PDB file of N, CA and C in Angstrom:
ATOM      1  N   MET A   1     -39.605 -26.665  45.009  1.00  0.00           N
ATOM      2  CA  MET A   1     -38.263 -26.674  44.464  1.00  0.00           C
ATOM      3  C   MET A   1     -36.847 -26.823  45.167  1.00  0.00           C
ATOM      4  N   GLY A   2     -35.987 -27.324  44.655  1.00  0.00           N
ATOM      5  CA  GLY A   2     -34.917 -27.724  45.156  1.00  0.00           C
ATOM      6  C   GLY A   2     -33.946 -26.502  45.663  1.00  0.00           C
ATOM      7  N   ALA A   3     -33.196 -26.428  46.430  1.00  0.00           N
ATOM      8  CA  ALA A   3     -32.147 -25.415  47.051  1.00  0.00           C
ATOM      9  C   ALA A   3     -31.043 -25.414  45.721  1.00  0.00           C
ATOM     10  N   THR A   4     -30.707 -24.223  45.970  1.00  0.00           N
ATOM     11  CA  THR A   4     -29.604 -23.732  44.769  1.00  0.00           C
ATOM     12  C   THR A   4     -28.281 -24.005  45.599  1.00  0.00           C
ATOM     13  N   THR A   5     -27.221 -24.702  44.982  1.00  0.00           N
ATOM     14  CA  THR A   5     -25.885 -24.795  45.649  1.00  0.00           C
ATOM     15  C   THR A   5     -25.013 -23.881  44.913  1.00  0.00           C
ATOM     16  N   VAL A   6     -24.253 -23.069  45.751  1.00  0.00           N
ATOM     17  CA  VAL A   6     -23.407 -22.050  45.199  1.00  0.00           C
ATOM     18  C   VAL A   6     -22.096 -22.443  45.646  1.00  0.00           C
ATOM     19  N   THR A   7     -20.877 -22.748  45.038  1.00  0.00           N
ATOM     20  CA  THR A   7     -19.697 -23.193  45.354  1.00  0.00           C
ATOM     21  C   THR A   7     -18.631 -22.032  44.984  1.00  0.00           C
ATOM     22  N   ALA A   8     -18.121 -21.676  46.037  1.00  0.00           N
ATOM     23  CA  ALA A   8     -17.212 -20.690  46.244  1.00  0.00           C
ATOM     24  C   ALA A   8     -15.795 -20.875  45.512  1.00  0.00           C
ATOM     25  N   VAL A   9     -15.546 -20.069  44.577  1.00  0.00           N
ATOM     26  CA  VAL A   9     -13.758 -20.258  44.181  1.00  0.00           C
ATOM     27  C   VAL A   9     -13.054 -19.208  44.976  1.00  0.00           C
ATOM     28  N   PRO A  10     -11.683 -20.128  45.769  1.00  0.00           N
ATOM     29  CA  PRO A  10     -11.347 -19.352  46.525  1.00  0.00           C
ATOM     30  C   PRO A  10     -10.405 -18.344  45.930  1.00  0.00           C
ATOM     31  N   ALA A  11     -10.283 -17.313  46.659  1.00  0.00           N
ATOM     32  CA  ALA A  11      -9.769 -16.034  45.674  1.00  0.00           C
ATOM     33  C   ALA A  11      -8.006 -16.395  45.803  1.00  0.00           C
ATOM     34  N   PRO A  12      -7.293 -15.779  44.835  1.00  0.00           N
ATOM     35  CA  PRO A  12      -5.796 -16.346  45.221  1.00  0.00           C
ATOM     36  C   PRO A  12      -5.294 -15.494  46.197  1.00  0.00           C
ATOM     37  N   SER A  13      -4.283 -16.280  46.855  1.00  0.00           N
ATOM     38  CA  SER A  13      -3.754 -15.738  48.005  1.00  0.00           C
ATOM     39  C   SER A  13      -2.730 -14.717  47.713  1.00  0.00           C
ATOM     40  N   GLY A  14      -2.287 -13.670  48.879  1.00  0.00           N
ATOM     41  CA  GLY A  14      -1.443 -12.837  48.470  1.00  0.00           C
ATOM     42  C   GLY A  14      -0.123 -12.831  47.723  1.00  0.00           C
ATOM     43  N   ARG A  15       0.363 -14.142  47.871  1.00  0.00           N
ATOM     44  CA  ARG A  15       1.597 -14.538  47.612  1.00  0.00           C
ATOM     45  C   ARG A  15       1.553 -14.558  45.998  1.00  0.00           C
ATOM     46  N   ARG A  16       0.371 -15.642  45.555  1.00  0.00           N
ATOM     47  CA  ARG A  16       0.031 -15.539  44.469  1.00  0.00           C
ATOM     48  C   ARG A  16      -0.158 -14.364  43.528  1.00  0.00           C
ATOM     49  N   ARG A  17      -0.759 -13.683  43.953  1.00  0.00           N
ATOM     50  CA  ARG A  17      -0.833 -12.309  43.259  1.00  0.00           C
ATOM     51  C   ARG A  17       0.440 -11.375  43.166  1.00  0.00           C
ATOM     52  N   VAL A  18       1.262 -11.394  44.268  1.00  0.00           N
ATOM     53  CA  VAL A  18       2.532 -10.814  44.215  1.00  0.00           C
ATOM     54  C   VAL A  18       3.327 -11.558  43.307  1.00  0.00           C
ATOM     55  N   ALA A  19       3.172 -12.868  42.992  1.00  0.00           N
ATOM     56  CA  ALA A  19       4.308 -13.762  42.035  1.00  0.00           C
ATOM     57  C   ALA A  19       3.833 -13.506  40.704  1.00  0.00           C
ATOM     58  N   ALA A  20       2.445 -13.675  40.504  1.00  0.00           N
ATOM     59  CA  ALA A  20       2.133 -13.320  39.304  1.00  0.00           C
ATOM     60  C   ALA A  20       2.219 -11.528  38.783  1.00  0.00           C
ATOM     61  N   ALA A  21       2.246 -10.834  39.696  1.00  0.00           N
ATOM     62  CA  ALA A  21       2.450  -9.459  39.178  1.00  0.00           C
ATOM     63  C   ALA A  21       4.015  -9.328  38.819  1.00  0.00           C
ATOM     64  N   ALA A  22       4.847 -10.047  39.439  1.00  0.00           N
ATOM     65  CA  ALA A  22       6.282  -9.942  39.191  1.00  0.00           C
ATOM     66  C   ALA A  22       6.665 -10.686  37.750  1.00  0.00           C
ATOM     67  N   PHE A  23       5.875 -11.805  37.766  1.00  0.00           N
ATOM     68  CA  PHE A  23       5.992 -12.581  36.339  1.00  0.00           C
ATOM     69  C   PHE A  23       5.875 -11.599  35.357  1.00  0.00           C
ATOM     70  N   LEU A  24       4.442 -10.946  35.520  1.00  0.00           N
ATOM     71  CA  LEU A  24       4.295 -10.151  34.012  1.00  0.00           C
ATOM     72  C   LEU A  24       5.288  -8.787  34.219  1.00  0.00           C
ATOM     73  N   ALA A  25       5.613  -8.344  35.194  1.00  0.00           N
ATOM     74  CA  ALA A  25       6.789  -7.189  35.129  1.00  0.00           C
ATOM     75  C   ALA A  25       7.725  -7.810  34.508  1.00  0.00           C
ATOM     76  N   GLY A  26       8.443  -8.906  35.233  1.00  0.00           N
ATOM     77  CA  GLY A  26       9.440  -9.332  34.252  1.00  0.00           C
ATOM     78  C   GLY A  26       9.188  -9.701  32.898  1.00  0.00           C
ATOM     79  N   LEU A  27       7.872 -10.145  32.208  1.00  0.00           N
ATOM     80  CA  LEU A  27       7.456 -10.371  30.785  1.00  0.00           C
ATOM     81  C   LEU A  27       7.787  -8.991  30.153  1.00  0.00           C
ATOM     82  N   LEU A  28       7.283  -7.916  30.853  1.00  0.00           N
ATOM     83  CA  LEU A  28       7.126  -6.453  30.232  1.00  0.00           C
ATOM     84  C   LEU A  28       8.456  -6.225  30.038  1.00  0.00           C
ATOM     85  N   CYS A  29       9.486  -6.216  31.085  1.00  0.00           N
ATOM     86  CA  CYS A  29      10.897  -5.593  30.931  1.00  0.00           C
ATOM     87  C   CYS A  29      11.826  -6.449  29.878  1.00  0.00           C
ATOM     88  N   ALA A  30      11.303  -7.686  29.877  1.00  0.00           N
ATOM     89  CA  ALA A  30      11.821  -8.540  28.666  1.00  0.00           C
ATOM     90  C   ALA A  30      11.712  -8.168  27.292  1.00  0.00           C
ATOM     91  N   ALA A  31      10.389  -7.634  27.199  1.00  0.00           N
ATOM     92  CA  ALA A  31       9.853  -7.007  25.883  1.00  0.00           C
ATOM     93  C   ALA A  31      10.331  -5.860  25.517  1.00  0.00           C
ATOM     94  N   VAL A  32      10.469  -5.128  26.523  1.00  0.00           N
ATOM     95  CA  VAL A  32      11.030  -3.768  26.122  1.00  0.00           C
ATOM     96  C   VAL A  32      12.758  -3.914  25.856  1.00  0.00           C
ATOM     97  N   ALA A  33      13.234  -4.679  26.817  1.00  0.00           N
ATOM     98  CA  ALA A  33      14.761  -4.764  26.202  1.00  0.00           C
ATOM     99  C   ALA A  33      14.937  -5.470  25.079  1.00  0.00           C
ATOM    100  N   MET A  34      14.374  -6.197  24.667  1.00  0.00           N
ATOM    101  CA  MET A  34      14.368  -6.819  22.970  1.00  0.00           C
ATOM    102  C   MET A  34      14.141  -6.028  22.178  1.00  0.00           C
ATOM    103  N   THR A  35      13.241  -4.934  22.274  1.00  0.00           N
ATOM    104  CA  THR A  35      12.840  -3.990  21.286  1.00  0.00           C
ATOM    105  C   THR A  35      14.172  -3.174  20.826  1.00  0.00           C
ATOM    106  N   PRO A  36      14.831  -2.854  19.606  1.00  0.00           N
ATOM    107  CA  PRO A  36      15.783  -2.012  19.273  1.00  0.00           C
ATOM    108  C   PRO A  36      15.469  -0.373  19.831  1.00  0.00           C
ATOM    109  N   SER A  37      16.294   0.038  20.256  1.00  0.00           N
ATOM    110  CA  SER A  37      16.310   1.317  20.319  1.00  0.00           C
ATOM    111  C   SER A  37      15.953   2.383  19.073  1.00  0.00           C
ATOM    112  N   GLY A  38      15.823   3.667  19.024  1.00  0.00           N
ATOM    113  CA  GLY A  38      15.812   4.474  17.859  1.00  0.00           C
ATOM    114  C   GLY A  38      17.068   4.434  17.199  1.00  0.00           C
ATOM    115  N   SER A  39      18.169   4.514  17.905  1.00  0.00           N
ATOM    116  CA  SER A  39      19.058   4.768  17.095  1.00  0.00           C
ATOM    117  C   SER A  39      19.784   3.402  16.413  1.00  0.00           C
ATOM    118  N   GLU A  40      19.307   2.352  16.705  1.00  0.00           N
ATOM    119  CA  GLU A  40      19.800   1.133  16.361  1.00  0.00           C
ATOM    120  C   GLU A  40      18.773   0.765  14.965  1.00  0.00           C
ATOM    121  N   ALA A  41      17.769   1.134  15.324  1.00  0.00           N
ATOM    122  CA  ALA A  41      16.713   0.985  14.004  1.00  0.00           C
ATOM    123  C   ALA A  41      17.170   1.845  13.033  1.00  0.00           C
ATOM    124  N   LYS A  42      17.959   2.901  13.241  1.00  0.00           N
ATOM    125  CA  LYS A  42      18.183   4.003  12.168  1.00  0.00           C
ATOM    126  C   LYS A  42      19.368   3.456  11.522  1.00  0.00           C
ATOM    127  N   LYS A  43      20.527   2.746  12.228  1.00  0.00           N
ATOM    128  CA  LYS A  43      21.576   2.003  11.794  1.00  0.00           C
ATOM    129  C   LYS A  43      21.365   1.093  10.644  1.00  0.00           C
ATOM    130  N   ARG A  44      20.400   0.285  10.952  1.00  0.00           N
ATOM    131  CA  ARG A  44      20.164  -0.854  10.002  1.00  0.00           C
ATOM    132  C   ARG A  44      19.685  -0.371   8.512  1.00  0.00           C
ATOM    133  N   PRO A  45      20.381  -0.752   7.682  1.00  0.00           N
ATOM    134  CA  PRO A  45      20.244  -0.377   6.100  1.00  0.00           C
ATOM    135  C   PRO A  45      18.812  -0.734   5.481  1.00  0.00           C
ATOM    136  N   ALA A  46      18.632   0.236   4.766  1.00  0.00           N
ATOM    137  CA  ALA A  46      17.258  -0.017   4.066  1.00  0.00           C
ATOM    138  C   ALA A  46      17.099  -1.064   3.327  1.00  0.00           C
ATOM    139  N   ALA A  47      15.791  -1.928   3.235  1.00  0.00           N
ATOM    140  CA  ALA A  47      15.654  -2.890   2.589  1.00  0.00           C
ATOM    141  C   ALA A  47      15.583  -2.619   1.128  1.00  0.00           C
ATOM    142  N   LYS A  48      16.236  -3.435   0.228  1.00  0.00           N
ATOM    143  CA  LYS A  48      16.347  -3.465  -1.108  1.00  0.00           C
ATOM    144  C   LYS A  48      15.258  -3.432  -1.507  1.00  0.00           C
ATOM    145  N   GLN A  49      14.719  -2.642  -2.584  1.00  0.00           N
ATOM    146  CA  GLN A  49      13.533  -2.848  -3.218  1.00  0.00           C
ATOM    147  C   GLN A  49      13.470  -3.965  -4.509  1.00  0.00           C
ATOM    148  N   LYS A  50      12.471  -4.670  -4.525  1.00  0.00           N
ATOM    149  CA  LYS A  50      12.577  -5.688  -5.325  1.00  0.00           C
ATOM    150  C   LYS A  50      12.009  -5.134  -6.636  1.00  0.00           C
ATOM    151  N   ARG A  51      10.874  -4.395  -6.574  1.00  0.00           N
ATOM    152  CA  ARG A  51      10.205  -3.623  -7.981  1.00  0.00           C
ATOM    153  C   ARG A  51      10.738  -2.330  -7.963  1.00  0.00           C
ATOM    154  N   PRO A  52      10.678  -1.878  -9.343  1.00  0.00           N
ATOM    155  CA  PRO A  52      11.018  -0.452  -9.288  1.00  0.00           C
ATOM    156  C   PRO A  52      10.137   0.430  -9.114  1.00  0.00           C
ATOM    157  N   ASN A  53      10.205   1.500  -8.678  1.00  0.00           N
ATOM    158  CA  ASN A  53       9.165   2.761  -8.528  1.00  0.00           C
ATOM    159  C   ASN A  53       8.748   3.213  -9.702  1.00  0.00           C
ATOM    160  N   ILE A  54       7.439   3.265 -10.103  1.00  0.00           N
ATOM    161  CA  ILE A  54       6.614   3.610 -11.702  1.00  0.00           C
ATOM    162  C   ILE A  54       6.149   4.452 -11.343  1.00  0.00           C
ATOM    163  N   VAL A  55       6.028   5.923 -12.193  1.00  0.00           N
ATOM    164  CA  VAL A  55       4.998   6.911 -12.075  1.00  0.00           C
ATOM    165  C   VAL A  55       4.134   6.848 -13.354  1.00  0.00           C
ATOM    166  N   LEU A  56       3.105   6.591 -13.331  1.00  0.00           N
ATOM    167  CA  LEU A  56       2.350   6.545 -14.557  1.00  0.00           C
ATOM    168  C   LEU A  56       1.417   7.655 -14.724  1.00  0.00           C
ATOM    169  N   ILE A  57       1.665   8.280 -15.910  1.00  0.00           N
ATOM    170  CA  ILE A  57       0.740   9.606 -16.097  1.00  0.00           C
ATOM    171  C   ILE A  57       0.069   9.190 -17.395  1.00  0.00           C
ATOM    172  N   MET A  58      -1.364   9.328 -17.659  1.00  0.00           N
ATOM    173  CA  MET A  58      -2.079   8.918 -18.623  1.00  0.00           C
ATOM    174  C   MET A  58      -2.770  10.616 -18.779  1.00  0.00           C
ATOM    175  N   ASP A  59      -2.620  10.755 -20.284  1.00  0.00           N
ATOM    176  CA  ASP A  59      -3.123  11.912 -20.594  1.00  0.00           C
ATOM    177  C   ASP A  59      -3.778  11.557 -21.704  1.00  0.00           C
ATOM    178  N   ASP A  60      -5.061  12.263 -22.154  1.00  0.00           N
ATOM    179  CA  ASP A  60      -5.716  11.789 -23.398  1.00  0.00           C
ATOM    180  C   ASP A  60      -6.237  13.119 -23.934  1.00  0.00           C
ATOM    181  N   ASP A  61      -6.715  12.959 -25.124  1.00  0.00           N
ATOM    182  CA  ASP A  61      -7.014  14.220 -25.949  1.00  0.00           C
ATOM    183  C   ASP A  61      -6.007  15.192 -26.451  1.00  0.00           C
ATOM    184  N   GLN A  62      -4.642  14.495 -26.491  1.00  0.00           N
ATOM    185  CA  GLN A  62      -3.619  15.796 -26.923  1.00  0.00           C
ATOM    186  C   GLN A  62      -2.932  15.130 -28.031  1.00  0.00           C
ATOM    187  N   SER A  63      -2.572  15.611 -28.925  1.00  0.00           N
ATOM    188  CA  SER A  63      -1.646  15.161 -30.101  1.00  0.00           C
ATOM    189  C   SER A  63      -0.270  15.488 -29.807  1.00  0.00           C
ATOM    190  N   ALA A  64       0.857  14.875 -30.672  1.00  0.00           N
ATOM    191  CA  ALA A  64       2.066  15.055 -30.230  1.00  0.00           C
ATOM    192  C   ALA A  64       2.563  16.586 -30.547  1.00  0.00           C
ATOM    193  N   GLU A  65       1.921  17.015 -31.482  1.00  0.00           N
ATOM    194  CA  GLU A  65       1.950  18.712 -31.714  1.00  0.00           C
ATOM    195  C   GLU A  65       1.676  19.555 -30.306  1.00  0.00           C
ATOM    196  N   MET A  66       0.754  18.956 -29.690  1.00  0.00           N
ATOM    197  CA  MET A  66       0.341  19.716 -28.456  1.00  0.00           C
ATOM    198  C   MET A  66       1.416  19.497 -27.595  1.00  0.00           C
ATOM    199  N   GLN A  67       2.312  18.670 -27.588  1.00  0.00           N
ATOM    200  CA  GLN A  67       3.333  18.535 -26.298  1.00  0.00           C
ATOM    201  C   GLN A  67       4.435  19.646 -26.211  1.00  0.00           C
ATOM    202  N   ARG A  68       4.439  20.356 -27.746  1.00  0.00           N
ATOM    203  CA  ARG A  68       5.269  21.445 -27.689  1.00  0.00           C
ATOM    204  C   ARG A  68       5.289  22.625 -26.791  1.00  0.00           C
ATOM    205  N   PHE A  69       3.703  22.755 -26.433  1.00  0.00           N
ATOM    206  CA  PHE A  69       3.333  23.912 -25.490  1.00  0.00           C
ATOM    207  C   PHE A  69       3.690  23.521 -23.872  1.00  0.00           C
ATOM    208  N   LEU A  70       3.571  22.324 -23.517  1.00  0.00           N
ATOM    209  CA  LEU A  70       3.931  21.911 -22.057  1.00  0.00           C
ATOM    210  C   LEU A  70       5.542  22.149 -21.830  1.00  0.00           C
ATOM    211  N   THR A  71       5.597  23.188 -21.610  1.00  0.00           N
ATOM    212  CA  THR A  71       7.216  23.240 -21.567  1.00  0.00           C
ATOM    213  C   THR A  71       7.905  22.593 -19.990  1.00  0.00           C
ATOM    214  N   LYS A  72       6.833  23.068 -18.966  1.00  0.00           N
ATOM    215  CA  LYS A  72       7.083  22.455 -17.703  1.00  0.00           C
ATOM    216  C   LYS A  72       7.091  21.105 -17.501  1.00  0.00           C
ATOM    217  N   THR A  73       6.082  20.506 -18.416  1.00  0.00           N
ATOM    218  CA  THR A  73       6.099  19.317 -18.491  1.00  0.00           C
ATOM    219  C   THR A  73       7.468  18.437 -19.065  1.00  0.00           C
ATOM    220  N   ASN A  74       7.406  19.215 -19.896  1.00  0.00           N
ATOM    221  CA  ASN A  74       8.614  18.240 -20.945  1.00  0.00           C
ATOM    222  C   ASN A  74      10.210  18.679 -19.932  1.00  0.00           C
ATOM    223  N   ALA A  75      10.042  19.716 -19.346  1.00  0.00           N
ATOM    224  CA  ALA A  75      11.332  20.013 -18.433  1.00  0.00           C
ATOM    225  C   ALA A  75      11.407  18.890 -17.318  1.00  0.00           C
ATOM    226  N   ALA A  76      10.105  18.999 -16.781  1.00  0.00           N
ATOM    227  CA  ALA A  76      10.008  17.900 -15.655  1.00  0.00           C
ATOM    228  C   ALA A  76      10.045  16.496 -15.662  1.00  0.00           C
ATOM    229  N   ILE A  77       9.944  16.099 -16.706  1.00  0.00           N
ATOM    230  CA  ILE A  77       9.303  14.451 -17.270  1.00  0.00           C
ATOM    231  C   ILE A  77      10.623  14.084 -18.138  1.00  0.00           C
ATOM    232  N   GLY A  78      10.460  14.925 -19.320  1.00  0.00           N
ATOM    233  CA  GLY A  78      10.966  14.428 -20.557  1.00  0.00           C
ATOM    234  C   GLY A  78      12.534  14.682 -20.519  1.00  0.00           C
ATOM    235  N   ALA A  79      12.931  15.772 -19.999  1.00  0.00           N
ATOM    236  CA  ALA A  79      14.227  15.898 -19.526  1.00  0.00           C
ATOM    237  C   ALA A  79      15.162  15.075 -18.487  1.00  0.00           C
ATOM    238  N   HIS A  80      14.291  14.548 -17.747  1.00  0.00           N
ATOM    239  CA  HIS A  80      14.970  13.556 -16.457  1.00  0.00           C
ATOM    240  C   HIS A  80      14.430  12.206 -16.733  1.00  0.00           C
ATOM    241  N   GLY A  81      13.756  12.040 -17.686  1.00  0.00           N
ATOM    242  CA  GLY A  81      13.236  10.406 -17.847  1.00  0.00           C
ATOM    243  C   GLY A  81      13.419  10.221 -19.539  1.00  0.00           C
ATOM    244  N   VAL A  82      12.459   9.247 -19.780  1.00  0.00           N
ATOM    245  CA  VAL A  82      12.476   8.646 -21.186  1.00  0.00           C
ATOM    246  C   VAL A  82      11.629   9.309 -22.347  1.00  0.00           C
ATOM    247  N   THR A  83      11.872   9.499 -23.245  1.00  0.00           N
ATOM    248  CA  THR A  83      10.818  10.055 -24.070  1.00  0.00           C
ATOM    249  C   THR A  83      10.828   8.933 -25.239  1.00  0.00           C
ATOM    250  N   PHE A  84       9.722   9.148 -26.026  1.00  0.00           N
ATOM    251  CA  PHE A  84       9.326   7.769 -26.933  1.00  0.00           C
ATOM    252  C   PHE A  84       9.179   8.446 -28.517  1.00  0.00           C
ATOM    253  N   ASP A  85       9.769   8.088 -29.493  1.00  0.00           N
ATOM    254  CA  ASP A  85       9.400   8.650 -30.820  1.00  0.00           C
ATOM    255  C   ASP A  85       8.042   8.104 -31.278  1.00  0.00           C
ATOM    256  N   ASN A  86       7.747   6.714 -30.995  1.00  0.00           N
ATOM    257  CA  ASN A  86       6.398   6.221 -31.479  1.00  0.00           C
ATOM    258  C   ASN A  86       5.345   5.933 -30.027  1.00  0.00           C
ATOM    259  N   SER A  87       4.065   5.900 -30.282  1.00  0.00           N
ATOM    260  CA  SER A  87       3.215   5.333 -29.104  1.00  0.00           C
ATOM    261  C   SER A  87       2.394   4.446 -30.096  1.00  0.00           C
ATOM    262  N   PHE A  88       1.704   3.671 -29.111  1.00  0.00           N
ATOM    263  CA  PHE A  88       0.817   2.688 -29.549  1.00  0.00           C
ATOM    264  C   PHE A  88      -0.212   2.656 -28.610  1.00  0.00           C
ATOM    265  N   VAL A  89      -1.790   2.458 -29.189  1.00  0.00           N
ATOM    266  CA  VAL A  89      -2.797   2.072 -28.276  1.00  0.00           C
ATOM    267  C   VAL A  89      -3.713   1.216 -28.796  1.00  0.00           C
ATOM    268  N   ASN A  90      -4.334   0.384 -27.828  1.00  0.00           N
ATOM    269  CA  ASN A  90      -5.421  -0.649 -28.258  1.00  0.00           C
ATOM    270  C   ASN A  90      -6.586  -0.098 -28.806  1.00  0.00           C
ATOM    271  N   TYR A  91      -7.100   0.886 -28.212  1.00  0.00           N
ATOM    272  CA  TYR A  91      -8.190   1.624 -28.600  1.00  0.00           C
ATOM    273  C   TYR A  91      -8.259   3.008 -27.957  1.00  0.00           C
ATOM    274  N   SER A  92      -8.213   4.011 -29.081  1.00  0.00           N
ATOM    275  CA  SER A  92      -7.852   5.408 -28.864  1.00  0.00           C
ATOM    276  C   SER A  92      -8.894   6.219 -28.381  1.00  0.00           C
ATOM    277  N   LEU A  93      -9.979   5.464 -27.725  1.00  0.00           N
ATOM    278  CA  LEU A  93     -10.804   6.819 -27.247  1.00  0.00           C
ATOM    279  C   LEU A  93     -10.696   6.460 -25.629  1.00  0.00           C
ATOM    280  N   CYS A  94     -10.945   7.518 -25.276  1.00  0.00           N
ATOM    281  CA  CYS A  94     -10.673   7.915 -23.789  1.00  0.00           C
ATOM    282  C   CYS A  94     -11.263   6.577 -22.605  1.00  0.00           C
ATOM    283  N   CYS A  95     -12.620   6.091 -22.455  1.00  0.00           N
ATOM    284  CA  CYS A  95     -12.924   5.321 -21.718  1.00  0.00           C
ATOM    285  C   CYS A  95     -12.394   3.860 -22.277  1.00  0.00           C
ATOM    286  N   PRO A  96     -12.295   3.156 -23.246  1.00  0.00           N
ATOM    287  CA  PRO A  96     -11.764   2.217 -23.517  1.00  0.00           C
ATOM    288  C   PRO A  96     -10.297   2.118 -23.386  1.00  0.00           C
ATOM    289  N   SER A  97      -9.619   3.009 -23.469  1.00  0.00           N
ATOM    290  CA  SER A  97      -8.172   3.189 -23.241  1.00  0.00           C
ATOM    291  C   SER A  97      -7.790   3.317 -21.563  1.00  0.00           C
ATOM    292  N   ARG A  98      -8.426   4.030 -20.819  1.00  0.00           N
ATOM    293  CA  ARG A  98      -8.203   3.934 -19.376  1.00  0.00           C
ATOM    294  C   ARG A  98      -8.732   2.491 -19.072  1.00  0.00           C
ATOM    295  N   SER A  99      -9.634   1.963 -19.444  1.00  0.00           N
ATOM    296  CA  SER A  99      -9.991   0.723 -18.907  1.00  0.00           C
ATOM    297  C   SER A  99      -9.325  -0.492 -19.312  1.00  0.00           C
ATOM    298  N   THR A 100      -8.309  -0.419 -20.405  1.00  0.00           N
ATOM    299  CA  THR A 100      -7.418  -1.369 -20.898  1.00  0.00           C
ATOM    300  C   THR A 100      -6.109  -1.142 -19.667  1.00  0.00           C
ATOM    301  N   MET A 101      -5.914   0.428 -19.583  1.00  0.00           N
ATOM    302  CA  MET A 101      -4.667   0.494 -18.827  1.00  0.00           C
ATOM    303  C   MET A 101      -5.010   0.175 -17.304  1.00  0.00           C
ATOM    304  N   LEU A 102      -6.250   0.249 -16.686  1.00  0.00           N
ATOM    305  CA  LEU A 102      -6.448  -0.410 -15.444  1.00  0.00           C
ATOM    306  C   LEU A 102      -6.683  -1.828 -15.028  1.00  0.00           C
ATOM    307  N   THR A 103      -7.110  -2.393 -16.267  1.00  0.00           N
ATOM    308  CA  THR A 103      -7.507  -3.744 -16.171  1.00  0.00           C
ATOM    309  C   THR A 103      -6.337  -4.614 -16.775  1.00  0.00           C
ATOM    310  N   GLY A 104      -5.612  -4.192 -17.506  1.00  0.00           N
ATOM    311  CA  GLY A 104      -4.611  -5.084 -18.417  1.00  0.00           C
ATOM    312  C   GLY A 104      -5.328  -5.878 -19.527  1.00  0.00           C
ATOM    313  N   GLN A 105      -6.638  -5.709 -19.732  1.00  0.00           N
ATOM    314  CA  GLN A 105      -7.180  -6.389 -20.652  1.00  0.00           C
ATOM    315  C   GLN A 105      -7.334  -5.469 -22.004  1.00  0.00           C
ATOM    316  N   TYR A 106      -7.851  -6.210 -23.143  1.00  0.00           N
ATOM    317  CA  TYR A 106      -8.049  -5.588 -24.310  1.00  0.00           C
ATOM    318  C   TYR A 106      -9.342  -5.279 -24.429  1.00  0.00           C
ATOM    319  N   ALA A 107     -10.036  -4.105 -25.210  1.00  0.00           N
ATOM    320  CA  ALA A 107     -11.289  -3.662 -25.215  1.00  0.00           C
ATOM    321  C   ALA A 107     -12.368  -4.945 -25.247  1.00  0.00           C
ATOM    322  N   HIS A 108     -11.858  -5.903 -26.198  1.00  0.00           N
ATOM    323  CA  HIS A 108     -13.069  -6.839 -26.361  1.00  0.00           C
ATOM    324  C   HIS A 108     -13.167  -7.508 -25.225  1.00  0.00           C
ATOM    325  N   ASN A 109     -12.344  -7.614 -24.427  1.00  0.00           N
ATOM    326  CA  ASN A 109     -12.440  -8.462 -23.193  1.00  0.00           C
ATOM    327  C   ASN A 109     -12.966  -7.453 -21.870  1.00  0.00           C
ATOM    328  N   HIS A 110     -12.611  -6.327 -21.692  1.00  0.00           N
ATOM    329  CA  HIS A 110     -13.491  -5.852 -20.734  1.00  0.00           C
ATOM    330  C   HIS A 110     -14.598  -5.307 -20.984  1.00  0.00           C
ATOM    331  N   GLY A 111     -15.102  -5.055 -22.397  1.00  0.00           N
ATOM    332  CA  GLY A 111     -16.274  -4.623 -22.683  1.00  0.00           C
ATOM    333  C   GLY A 111     -16.433  -3.308 -22.957  1.00  0.00           C
ATOM    334  N   VAL A 112     -15.668  -2.230 -22.488  1.00  0.00           N
ATOM    335  CA  VAL A 112     -15.698  -0.940 -22.551  1.00  0.00           C
ATOM    336  C   VAL A 112     -15.461  -0.713 -23.970  1.00  0.00           C
ATOM    337  N   ARG A 113     -16.397   0.019 -24.822  1.00  0.00           N
ATOM    338  CA  ARG A 113     -16.070   0.181 -26.262  1.00  0.00           C
ATOM    339  C   ARG A 113     -16.407   1.456 -26.682  1.00  0.00           C
ATOM    340  N   GLY A 114     -16.591   2.604 -25.703  1.00  0.00           N
ATOM    341  CA  GLY A 114     -17.382   3.809 -25.962  1.00  0.00           C
ATOM    342  C   GLY A 114     -17.268   4.540 -24.749  1.00  0.00           C
ATOM    343  N   ASN A 115     -17.323   5.874 -24.708  1.00  0.00           N
ATOM    344  CA  ASN A 115     -17.376   6.932 -23.964  1.00  0.00           C
ATOM    345  C   ASN A 115     -18.963   7.195 -23.353  1.00  0.00           C
ATOM    346  N   GLN A 116     -19.887   6.366 -23.775  1.00  0.00           N
ATOM    347  CA  GLN A 116     -21.173   6.550 -23.200  1.00  0.00           C
ATOM    348  C   GLN A 116     -21.814   5.270 -22.798  1.00  0.00           C
ATOM    349  N   LEU A 117     -22.815   5.023 -21.869  1.00  0.00           N
ATOM    350  CA  LEU A 117     -23.308   4.326 -21.068  1.00  0.00           C
ATOM    351  C   LEU A 117     -23.593   3.287 -22.101  1.00  0.00           C
ATOM    352  N   PRO A 118     -23.743   1.807 -22.351  1.00  0.00           N
ATOM    353  CA  PRO A 118     -24.560   0.941 -22.963  1.00  0.00           C
ATOM    354  C   PRO A 118     -26.075   1.231 -23.119  1.00  0.00           C
TER     355      PRO A 118
END
C-alpha cells in the first residue's frame, strides 16, 4: 500500500486574526448603531390598518324572543354596535350553518347537510 500524504494548511497569522476580529467588531458596532433606540421606535406613528377589525360571534339554537333575556350581551354589543331587524341563513341547522360560515360555501358545496355523521 502507498503512503498517505497529509498537507498542512497554515494557521492564520496573529495579525490576520486581530484584523478579522476588528472587522467583525466594526460590523457589530455598525449594526447596533443602525438599530433604532426604544424612544425612536415609540415616536413612529402606527401603521394604518388596511382592513377593519371584525369580531364574529356565532350563536345557535336561539330565537329572537330569547334575545330579550340577554341583557348584558345586548348592553355590551347591541348598545355599542349594530343591530339587525332581519337575519338570513343558508341552512338553519347548526353544523351546516357553521360549515358555511367557516368555508364561505353553501351546504351543497361543502357537503355538510346535517348534525350527524354520514
